[in-house]
């Protein structure tokens, strides 16, 4: 089977290459950004992902930035002509001109899997999700979630960490964040259901952003099948929730599912069951993937930097000692975790969970003196500005004090995006991380089992071996 698939791919590549050689593209007089496109159709996609899986994504960037331009270069990625933006100025232009000069973009086959309806644009889809997430994360709602998050974190640590000498961090961080989001967003309390959904979500996230060819037996094909099963599970939940509403048994707080049931399409009609299910899938994966990666990465850095761990522990003990024995955290407690959040912010700078997202030029645009034709795709590269010494002096040094003032170059620190369309779940993610580490550092110290374990991207960040650590309970 694998031989047949490989043969078909090679045949397709050969035919496409022959077409490319015999029918050459017309020369252009436009001043395009410097760079190369690589192979026909696949471009430099395979090289990008090969370096990602070796933990060398910065090598892909730095080689081209040194050869072509430190601010911008062109390539071909995910089957499209692609411009990589590598400067704070480029980020500012991109983030400040959503709807005017740029719109969201995904490869067509991925876009079709993501959108809740073929009649809706990707921009409309994002706007709809932003509305729902905005309602779910409004200030009063966030205040209510803190105690629930705290109870969930305590329960998770008792069940999966207590009594173990060694744990594999990345598996447990995924389990914690997914169970927490499932409970808060969709009122899922059953551990088995949450675990089954998490396995499907993990398959989708790790195997979707490769060469998007939906052939049975390929990783992308497996991701598509996982997406279908995910979708059906959510449709079953929608039926159950509607029954609960009829019987007046729905959850007290408005979760994501409740809010989606109130959403209308552009014609003012109720969303279909399928549309709601796809939106549920998109919101849950978005809320789960990056925070779970962040937990693993923060634990890695705290193991490597014991002096930083001690300062985080000191701050968390001060907060814990100000509360009653069984009193849960409050929203105001999280406001006092300034040093801990500076540490988390520095981890997100040095190892951002997401490498960036994509836009499409709605019109011809000039960036840094180069012409970006209408229809060209753009990728804002998070690592480029995070490691730029002009934005962050001594960028390889771990320094939480960078965030004590207002000295960060605008649009250079972008783990959540920036501008009017900054990630709507940023504050929700901040609460999850602070609550988890308040509980973890007071319970345990830890050391890495594999001292030189790499962080790789597949496509998002993850520890190559799952980050096993040895636990030492705090007395």
Protein backbone atom coordinates (compact mmCIF):
# COMPACT_ATOMS: atom_id res chain seq x y z
CA UNK A 1 0.00 0.00 0.00
CA UNK A 2 2.76 2.46 0.96
CA UNK A 3 4.63 1.61 -2.28
CA UNK A 4 1.51 2.36 -4.34
CA UNK A 5 1.00 5.70 -2.57
CA UNK A 6 4.66 6.63 -3.06
CA UNK A 7 4.51 5.66 -6.75
CA UNK A 8 1.42 7.82 -7.30
CA UNK A 9 3.03 10.78 -5.56
CA UNK A 10 6.23 10.41 -7.61
CA UNK A 11 4.22 10.12 -10.84
CA UNK A 12 2.25 13.26 -9.97
CA UNK A 13 5.45 15.10 -9.11
CA UNK A 14 7.06 13.97 -12.37
CA UNK A 15 4.13 15.13 -14.50
CA UNK A 16 3.97 18.44 -12.68
CA UNK A 17 7.72 18.95 -13.10
CA UNK A 18 7.45 18.19 -16.84
CA UNK A 19 4.67 20.75 -17.16
CA UNK A 20 6.76 23.26 -15.23
CA UNK A 21 9.77 22.74 -17.53
CA UNK A 22 7.86 22.74 -20.84
CA UNK A 23 5.45 25.55 -19.99
CA UNK A 24 7.58 28.01 -18.06
CA UNK A 25 5.90 30.74 -16.05
CA UNK A 26 5.97 34.17 -17.66
CA UNK A 27 8.82 36.34 -16.42
CA UNK A 28 7.82 39.19 -14.15
CA UNK A 29 9.23 42.67 -13.74
CA UNK A 30 7.86 42.95 -10.21
CA UNK A 31 10.36 43.47 -7.41
CA UNK A 32 9.48 40.29 -5.53
CA UNK A 33 11.14 39.45 -2.21
CA UNK A 34 14.35 37.43 -2.65
CA UNK A 35 14.28 33.67 -2.20
CA UNK A 36 13.69 30.39 -3.99
CA UNK A 37 10.64 28.20 -4.46
CA UNK A 38 12.28 24.78 -4.39
CA UNK A 39 10.57 21.83 -6.08
CA UNK A 40 7.40 22.27 -8.15
CA UNK A 41 4.23 21.85 -6.08
CA UNK A 42 5.96 20.73 -2.85
CA UNK A 43 8.31 23.73 -2.82
CA UNK A 44 10.36 23.73 0.38
CA UNK A 45 7.64 22.09 2.48
CA UNK A 46 9.55 18.85 3.02
CA UNK A 47 12.74 20.65 4.04
CA UNK A 48 10.81 22.87 6.44
CA UNK A 49 9.14 19.92 8.15
CA UNK A 50 12.32 17.81 8.14
CA UNK A 51 14.15 20.56 10.03
CA UNK A 52 11.13 21.06 12.30
CA UNK A 53 11.20 17.42 13.35
CA UNK A 54 14.91 17.74 14.17
CA UNK A 55 14.29 20.77 16.37
CA UNK A 56 16.03 23.00 13.84
CA UNK A 57 13.24 25.24 12.56
CA UNK A 58 15.35 28.31 13.34
CA UNK A 59 17.96 26.95 10.92
CA UNK A 60 15.43 27.08 8.06
CA UNK A 61 14.74 30.70 8.95
CA UNK A 62 18.29 31.86 9.67
CA UNK A 63 19.77 30.37 6.47
CA UNK A 64 17.31 32.28 4.32
CA UNK A 65 17.44 35.46 6.38
CA UNK A 66 21.25 35.51 6.04
CA UNK A 67 21.19 34.67 2.33
CA UNK A 68 18.30 36.86 1.18
CA UNK A 69 17.04 39.38 3.75
CA UNK A 70 16.81 39.61 7.52
CA UNK A 71 13.25 40.93 7.22
CA UNK A 72 11.54 39.07 4.38
CA UNK A 73 12.03 36.21 1.92
CA UNK A 74 9.91 34.18 -0.47
CA UNK A 75 9.55 30.42 -0.80
CA UNK A 76 6.91 27.86 -1.71
CA UNK A 77 5.25 26.18 1.26
CA UNK A 78 2.12 24.03 1.64
CA UNK A 79 1.57 24.21 -2.12
CA UNK A 80 1.52 28.02 -2.33
CA UNK A 81 3.80 30.93 -3.15
CA UNK A 82 4.68 32.11 0.34
CA UNK A 83 6.39 35.18 1.79
CA UNK A 84 7.88 34.82 5.28
CA UNK A 85 7.77 38.00 7.36
CA UNK A 86 10.64 38.20 9.85
CA UNK A 87 10.46 41.71 11.32
CA UNK A 88 8.38 43.69 13.79
CA UNK A 89 7.56 46.14 10.97
CA UNK A 90 6.21 43.31 8.83
CA UNK A 91 4.16 42.00 11.75
CA UNK A 92 2.72 45.47 12.34
CA UNK A 93 1.63 45.82 8.72
CA UNK A 94 0.05 42.37 8.76
CA UNK A 95 -1.76 42.66 12.10
CA UNK A 96 -2.94 46.23 11.52
CA UNK A 97 -4.52 45.62 8.12
CA UNK A 98 -6.76 42.60 8.57
CA UNK A 99 -9.71 42.87 6.12
CA UNK A 100 -8.00 45.80 4.36
CA UNK A 101 -4.85 44.33 2.84
CA UNK A 102 -4.91 40.75 4.12
CA UNK A 103 -7.30 37.94 4.98
CA UNK A 104 -6.79 34.61 6.80
CA UNK A 105 -5.55 31.75 4.65
CA UNK A 106 -5.20 27.98 4.91
CA UNK A 107 -4.50 25.38 2.19
CA UNK A 108 -7.81 24.64 0.46
CA UNK A 109 -8.17 21.06 1.67
CA UNK A 110 -7.41 22.14 5.26
CA UNK A 111 -9.73 25.14 4.95
CA UNK A 112 -12.57 22.90 3.77
CA UNK A 113 -12.01 20.63 6.77
CA UNK A 114 -11.96 23.61 9.13
CA UNK A 115 -14.94 25.63 7.87
CA UNK A 116 -18.37 24.82 9.27
CA UNK A 117 -20.07 25.45 5.91
CA UNK A 118 -18.95 25.65 2.26
CA UNK A 119 -20.96 28.88 1.97
CA UNK A 120 -18.95 30.74 4.61
CA UNK A 121 -15.59 32.44 4.09
CA UNK A 122 -12.64 31.70 6.32
CA UNK A 123 -12.80 35.30 7.56
CA UNK A 124 -16.48 34.93 8.49
CA UNK A 125 -15.65 31.67 10.27
CA UNK A 126 -12.96 33.36 12.35
CA UNK A 127 -15.28 36.28 13.15
CA UNK A 128 -17.99 33.89 14.35
CA UNK A 129 -15.55 31.98 16.56
CA UNK A 130 -14.14 35.24 17.92
CA UNK A 131 -17.64 36.33 18.96
CA UNK A 132 -18.32 33.07 20.77
CA UNK A 133 -14.91 32.96 22.49
CA UNK A 134 -15.30 36.63 23.45
CA UNK A 135 -18.57 35.86 25.24
CA UNK A 136 -17.09 32.79 26.92
CA UNK A 137 -14.05 34.71 28.18
CA UNK A 138 -15.72 37.96 29.26
CA UNK A 139 -14.33 39.25 32.61
CA UNK A 140 -17.07 37.95 34.92
CA UNK A 141 -16.90 34.51 33.31
CA UNK A 142 -13.12 34.36 33.73
CA UNK A 143 -13.50 35.13 37.43
CA UNK A 144 -15.83 32.15 37.80
CA UNK A 145 -13.44 29.80 36.02
CA UNK A 146 -10.46 30.34 38.36
CA UNK A 147 -11.84 28.25 41.24
CA UNK A 148 -12.92 25.51 38.83
CA UNK A 149 -9.45 25.49 37.27
CA UNK A 150 -7.83 25.29 40.71
CA UNK A 151 -9.97 22.33 41.78
CA UNK A 152 -9.27 20.61 38.46
CA UNK A 153 -5.50 21.11 38.80
CA UNK A 154 -5.46 19.70 42.33
CA UNK A 155 -7.49 16.70 41.22
CA UNK A 156 -5.21 16.08 38.23
CA UNK A 157 -2.01 16.20 40.30
CA UNK A 158 -3.44 13.82 42.91
CA UNK A 159 -4.50 11.33 40.25
CA UNK A 160 -1.56 11.38 37.82
CA UNK A 161 1.49 12.82 39.65
CA UNK A 162 1.27 11.88 43.34
CA UNK A 163 3.07 8.65 44.22
CA UNK A 164 5.10 8.53 40.99
CA UNK A 165 8.88 8.77 40.85
CA UNK A 166 8.90 9.51 37.11
CA UNK A 167 6.23 11.02 34.85
CA UNK A 168 6.16 11.85 31.15
CA UNK A 169 5.28 15.52 31.23
CA UNK A 170 3.92 16.10 27.74
CA UNK A 171 1.36 13.29 27.95
CA UNK A 172 0.11 14.62 31.28
CA UNK A 173 0.04 18.27 30.23
CA UNK A 174 -2.12 17.33 27.24
CA UNK A 175 -4.38 15.27 29.48
CA UNK A 176 -4.80 18.09 32.02
CA UNK A 177 -5.51 20.90 29.56
CA UNK A 178 -7.87 18.84 27.42
CA UNK A 179 -9.89 17.60 30.40
CA UNK A 180 -10.07 21.14 31.80
CA UNK A 181 -11.22 22.66 28.50
CA UNK A 182 -13.71 19.84 27.90
CA UNK A 183 -15.28 20.47 31.29
CA UNK A 184 -15.42 24.26 31.08
CA UNK A 185 -16.37 24.49 27.40
CA UNK A 186 -18.67 21.51 26.90
CA UNK A 187 -19.55 20.25 30.40
CA UNK A 188 -17.73 16.94 29.78
CA UNK A 189 -16.93 15.38 33.17
CA UNK A 190 -16.33 11.78 32.08
CA UNK A 191 -12.57 11.06 32.03
CA UNK A 192 -12.84 8.30 29.45
CA UNK A 193 -14.74 10.51 26.99
CA UNK A 194 -12.22 13.32 27.44
CA UNK A 195 -9.28 10.93 26.88
CA UNK A 196 -10.82 9.51 23.69
CA UNK A 197 -11.46 13.00 22.33
CA UNK A 198 -7.93 14.09 23.26
CA UNK A 199 -6.44 11.21 21.26
CA UNK A 200 -8.43 12.30 18.20
CA UNK A 201 -7.42 15.94 18.68
CA UNK A 202 -3.75 14.97 19.00
CA UNK A 203 -3.93 13.02 15.72
CA UNK A 204 -5.49 15.99 13.96
CA UNK A 205 -2.91 18.47 15.23
CA UNK A 206 0.21 16.36 14.61
CA UNK A 207 -0.71 15.05 11.15
CA UNK A 208 -2.71 17.82 9.51
CA UNK A 209 -0.08 20.39 8.52
CA UNK A 210 1.95 18.28 6.15
CA UNK A 211 1.62 18.04 2.37
CA UNK A 212 -2.20 18.19 2.26
CA UNK A 213 -2.99 15.18 0.04
CA UNK A 214 -5.94 13.16 1.31
CA UNK A 215 -4.89 9.64 0.30
CA UNK A 216 -5.79 6.62 2.49
CA UNK A 217 -2.79 5.43 4.47
CA UNK A 218 -1.07 8.83 4.66
CA UNK A 219 -0.77 10.88 7.84
CA UNK A 220 -3.03 13.53 6.38
CA UNK A 221 -5.60 10.84 5.56
CA UNK A 222 -5.50 9.64 9.17
CA UNK A 223 -6.01 13.20 10.38
CA UNK A 224 -9.05 13.58 8.12
CA UNK A 225 -10.56 10.36 9.49
CA UNK A 226 -9.90 11.51 13.06
CA UNK A 227 -11.63 14.79 12.21
CA UNK A 228 -14.71 12.93 10.98
CA UNK A 229 -14.93 10.88 14.18
CA UNK A 230 -14.38 14.02 16.26
CA UNK A 231 -17.19 15.66 14.31
CA UNK A 232 -19.61 12.81 14.94
CA UNK A 233 -18.85 12.82 18.67
CA UNK A 234 -19.73 16.50 18.83
CA UNK A 235 -22.95 15.99 16.89
CA UNK A 236 -23.97 13.45 19.52
CA UNK A 237 -23.23 16.03 22.24
CA UNK A 238 -25.40 18.60 20.46
CA UNK A 239 -28.33 16.19 20.40
CA UNK A 240 -27.81 15.49 24.11
CA UNK A 241 -27.59 19.20 25.00
CA UNK A 242 -30.77 20.01 23.10
CA UNK A 243 -32.52 17.27 25.04
CA UNK A 244 -31.16 18.74 28.30
CA UNK A 245 -32.46 22.18 27.31
CA UNK A 246 -35.92 20.74 26.62
CA UNK A 247 -35.84 19.06 30.04
CA UNK A 248 -34.35 22.22 31.67
CA UNK A 249 -31.17 20.38 32.74
CA UNK A 250 -28.58 22.52 30.92
CA UNK A 251 -25.43 23.77 32.76
CA UNK A 252 -25.77 26.86 34.93
CA UNK A 253 -23.01 28.80 33.17
CA UNK A 254 -23.05 29.50 29.45
CA UNK A 255 -20.42 27.19 28.00
CA UNK A 256 -19.20 27.21 24.39
CA UNK A 257 -21.88 24.76 23.28
CA UNK A 258 -24.65 26.89 24.83
CA UNK A 259 -23.29 29.96 23.04
CA UNK A 260 -23.01 28.15 19.70
CA UNK A 261 -26.62 27.03 19.95
CA UNK A 262 -27.53 30.74 20.07
CA UNK A 263 -25.39 31.65 17.03
CA UNK A 264 -27.00 32.53 13.68
CA UNK A 265 -25.60 32.27 10.16
CA UNK A 266 -25.26 35.26 7.83
CA UNK A 267 -28.91 34.85 6.81
CA UNK A 268 -30.09 35.02 10.42
CA UNK A 269 -30.89 31.31 10.60
CA UNK A 270 -29.92 28.85 13.34
CA UNK A 271 -26.70 26.96 12.67
CA UNK A 272 -27.05 23.37 11.54
CA UNK A 273 -25.88 20.52 13.72
CA UNK A 274 -22.89 19.98 11.43
CA UNK A 275 -21.91 23.67 11.53
CA UNK A 276 -22.02 23.73 15.33
CA UNK A 277 -19.97 20.51 15.56
CA UNK A 278 -17.19 21.90 13.36
CA UNK A 279 -17.04 25.12 15.38
CA UNK A 280 -16.90 23.08 18.60
CA UNK A 281 -13.96 21.16 17.19
CA UNK A 282 -12.07 24.29 16.14
CA UNK A 283 -12.54 26.05 19.50
CA UNK A 284 -11.54 23.04 21.60
CA UNK A 285 -8.40 22.25 19.62
CA UNK A 286 -7.39 25.91 19.70
CA UNK A 287 -7.86 26.13 23.47
CA UNK A 288 -6.04 22.87 24.17
CA UNK A 289 -3.02 22.55 21.92
CA UNK A 290 -0.84 25.59 22.66
CA UNK A 291 -1.39 25.71 26.46
CA UNK A 292 -0.52 22.02 26.83
CA UNK A 293 2.69 22.60 24.87
CA UNK A 294 3.43 25.66 27.01
CA UNK A 295 3.14 23.62 30.22
CA UNK A 296 5.71 21.11 28.93
CA UNK A 297 8.10 23.85 27.86
CA UNK A 298 7.80 25.79 31.13
CA UNK A 299 8.52 22.60 33.11
CA UNK A 300 11.59 22.03 30.91
CA UNK A 301 12.96 25.52 31.61
CA UNK A 302 12.25 25.34 35.35
CA UNK A 303 14.19 22.06 35.48
CA UNK A 304 17.14 23.69 33.72
CA UNK A 305 17.03 26.93 35.76
CA UNK A 306 16.70 26.09 39.48
CA UNK A 307 17.22 29.71 40.54
CA UNK A 308 14.17 30.70 38.46
CA UNK A 309 12.17 27.83 39.96
CA UNK A 310 13.02 29.06 43.48
CA UNK A 311 11.72 32.55 42.76
CA UNK A 312 8.51 31.17 41.26
CA UNK A 313 8.06 28.91 44.31
CA UNK A 314 8.63 31.84 46.68
CA UNK A 315 5.92 33.91 44.98
CA UNK A 316 3.44 31.02 44.95
CA UNK A 317 4.07 30.18 48.61
CA UNK A 318 3.36 33.79 49.60
CA UNK A 319 -0.01 33.56 47.86
CA UNK A 320 -0.82 30.12 49.30
CA UNK A 321 0.09 31.24 52.84
CA UNK A 322 -2.35 34.14 52.58
CA UNK A 323 -5.29 31.77 52.03
CA UNK A 324 -7.24 29.30 54.16
CA UNK A 325 -6.33 25.57 54.12
CA UNK A 326 -9.03 24.56 51.60
CA UNK A 327 -9.63 27.96 50.01
CA UNK A 328 -9.44 27.93 46.21
CA UNK A 329 -7.59 30.51 44.16
CA UNK A 330 -9.40 33.67 43.12
CA UNK A 331 -8.97 35.93 40.13
CA UNK A 332 -7.32 38.53 42.38
CA UNK A 333 -4.73 35.95 43.49
CA UNK A 334 -3.65 35.52 39.89
CA UNK A 335 -3.03 39.27 39.59
CA UNK A 336 -0.32 38.88 42.25
CA UNK A 337 1.58 36.27 40.21
CA UNK A 338 3.63 38.89 38.38
CA UNK A 339 7.01 37.13 38.47
CA UNK A 340 5.50 33.79 37.48
CA UNK A 341 3.82 35.39 34.48
CA UNK A 342 7.10 37.08 33.49
CA UNK A 343 8.75 33.64 33.55
CA UNK A 344 5.98 32.15 31.43
CA UNK A 345 6.24 35.09 29.01
CA UNK A 346 9.97 34.51 28.60
CA UNK A 347 9.40 30.80 27.94
CA UNK A 348 6.84 31.73 25.26
CA UNK A 349 9.41 34.04 23.70
CA UNK A 350 12.20 31.48 23.60
CA UNK A 351 10.05 28.49 22.64
CA UNK A 352 6.70 29.71 21.23
CA UNK A 353 4.23 26.81 20.89
CA UNK A 354 3.05 28.04 17.49
CA UNK A 355 5.41 28.96 14.67
CA UNK A 356 2.92 31.47 13.22
CA UNK A 357 -0.13 31.53 10.97
CA UNK A 358 -1.00 32.56 7.42
CA UNK A 359 -2.58 35.41 5.47
CA UNK A 360 -3.37 36.11 1.82
CA UNK A 361 -2.76 39.47 0.14
CA UNK A 362 -6.06 41.03 -0.97
CA UNK A 363 -4.24 43.55 -3.14
CA UNK A 364 -0.69 44.30 -4.22
CA UNK A 365 1.31 45.34 -1.14
CA UNK A 366 4.80 46.78 -0.66
CA UNK A 367 6.79 45.51 2.32
CA UNK A 368 10.35 46.65 3.02
CA UNK A 369 10.64 47.83 -0.59
CA UNK A 370 9.46 44.53 -2.10
CA UNK A 371 6.24 43.90 -3.98
CA UNK A 372 3.82 41.26 -2.69
CA UNK A 373 1.39 40.48 -5.55
CA UNK A 374 -2.32 40.06 -4.92
CA UNK A 375 -3.04 36.43 -4.02
CA UNK A 376 0.41 35.74 -2.55
CA UNK A 377 0.36 34.01 0.83
CA UNK A 378 2.22 35.36 3.86
CA UNK A 379 3.49 33.66 7.00
CA UNK A 380 4.41 35.69 10.07
CA UNK A 381 7.27 33.79 11.67
CA UNK A 382 7.11 34.04 15.48
CA UNK A 383 10.68 32.90 16.10
CA UNK A 384 12.19 35.52 13.81
CA UNK A 385 11.35 38.55 15.97
CA UNK A 386 11.55 36.64 19.27
CA UNK A 387 15.24 35.95 18.59
CA UNK A 388 16.05 39.30 16.97
CA UNK A 389 18.77 41.05 19.07
CA UNK A 390 17.40 44.44 17.96
CA UNK A 391 14.13 43.54 19.67
CA UNK A 392 15.46 41.41 22.53
CA UNK A 393 19.10 42.10 23.49
CA UNK A 394 21.06 38.92 24.20
CA UNK A 395 18.11 36.87 22.86
CA UNK A 396 19.46 33.46 23.93
CA UNK A 397 19.57 34.53 27.60
CA UNK A 398 16.56 33.58 29.75
CA UNK A 399 15.60 36.88 31.36
CA UNK A 400 12.11 37.35 32.92
CA UNK A 401 12.96 40.95 33.80
CA UNK A 402 12.39 41.90 30.14
CA UNK A 403 8.66 42.21 30.93
CA UNK A 404 8.84 44.45 34.01
CA UNK A 405 8.55 47.69 32.05
CA UNK A 406 7.20 48.79 28.69
CA UNK A 407 10.41 48.38 26.72
CA UNK A 408 9.29 45.59 24.38
CA UNK A 409 9.44 46.67 20.72
CA UNK A 410 5.82 46.82 19.47
CA UNK A 411 4.79 43.79 17.37
CA UNK A 412 8.00 41.91 18.19
CA UNK A 413 6.55 39.71 20.98
CA UNK A 414 3.79 37.75 19.25
CA UNK A 415 3.09 34.31 20.81
CA UNK A 416 -0.62 35.27 20.80
CA UNK A 417 -0.51 37.41 17.68
CA UNK A 418 -0.96 41.17 18.08
CA UNK A 419 -3.12 44.15 17.25
CA UNK A 420 -6.91 44.14 16.87
CA UNK A 421 -6.96 40.42 16.14
CA UNK A 422 -4.84 39.17 19.02
CA UNK A 423 -5.86 35.67 20.15
CA UNK A 424 -9.25 36.02 21.92
CA UNK A 425 -8.32 33.15 24.23
CA UNK A 426 -5.12 34.79 25.53
CA UNK A 427 -6.52 35.61 28.98
CA UNK A 428 -8.14 32.18 29.27
CA UNK A 429 -4.75 30.58 28.50
CA UNK A 430 -3.01 32.83 31.05
CA UNK A 431 -5.36 31.68 33.81
CA UNK A 432 -4.85 28.00 32.96
CA UNK A 433 -1.06 28.29 33.10
CA UNK A 434 -0.89 30.33 36.30
CA UNK A 435 -3.32 28.07 38.16
CA UNK A 436 -1.47 24.92 37.11
CA UNK A 437 1.96 26.16 38.16
CA UNK A 438 0.64 27.54 41.45
CA UNK A 439 -0.23 23.95 42.31
CA UNK A 440 2.70 22.15 40.66
CA UNK A 441 5.67 24.07 42.09
CA UNK A 442 4.33 23.84 45.65
CA UNK A 443 4.02 20.06 45.33
CA UNK A 444 7.16 19.07 43.43
CA UNK A 445 10.66 19.77 42.29
CA UNK A 446 11.86 17.82 39.27
CA UNK A 447 14.83 17.01 37.07
CA UNK A 448 15.00 15.95 33.44
CA UNK A 449 15.67 12.27 32.77
CA UNK A 450 17.13 13.11 29.34
CA UNK A 451 19.31 16.21 29.92
CA UNK A 452 19.78 17.07 26.23
CA UNK A 453 16.26 16.22 25.02
CA UNK A 454 15.33 18.35 22.00
CA UNK A 455 12.20 20.37 21.42
CA UNK A 456 10.88 19.55 17.94
CA UNK A 457 7.93 20.75 15.84
CA UNK A 458 5.42 18.29 14.43
CA UNK A 459 4.03 20.79 13.39
CA UNK A 460 3.74 22.54 16.77
CA UNK A 461 6.33 22.42 19.50
CA UNK A 462 6.79 19.28 21.61
CA UNK A 463 9.59 17.49 23.52
CA UNK A 464 11.11 14.80 21.31
CA UNK A 465 10.76 12.03 23.93
CA UNK A 466 7.77 13.43 25.83
CA UNK A 467 9.92 15.09 28.56
CA UNK A 468 10.20 12.40 31.26
CA UNK A 469 11.14 13.94 34.63
CA UNK A 470 12.00 12.59 38.07
CA UNK A 471 9.80 14.04 40.80
CA UNK A 472 10.88 15.14 44.27
CA UNK A 473 7.92 16.00 46.52
CA UNK A 474 8.17 19.26 48.45
CA UNK A 475 7.66 18.70 52.18
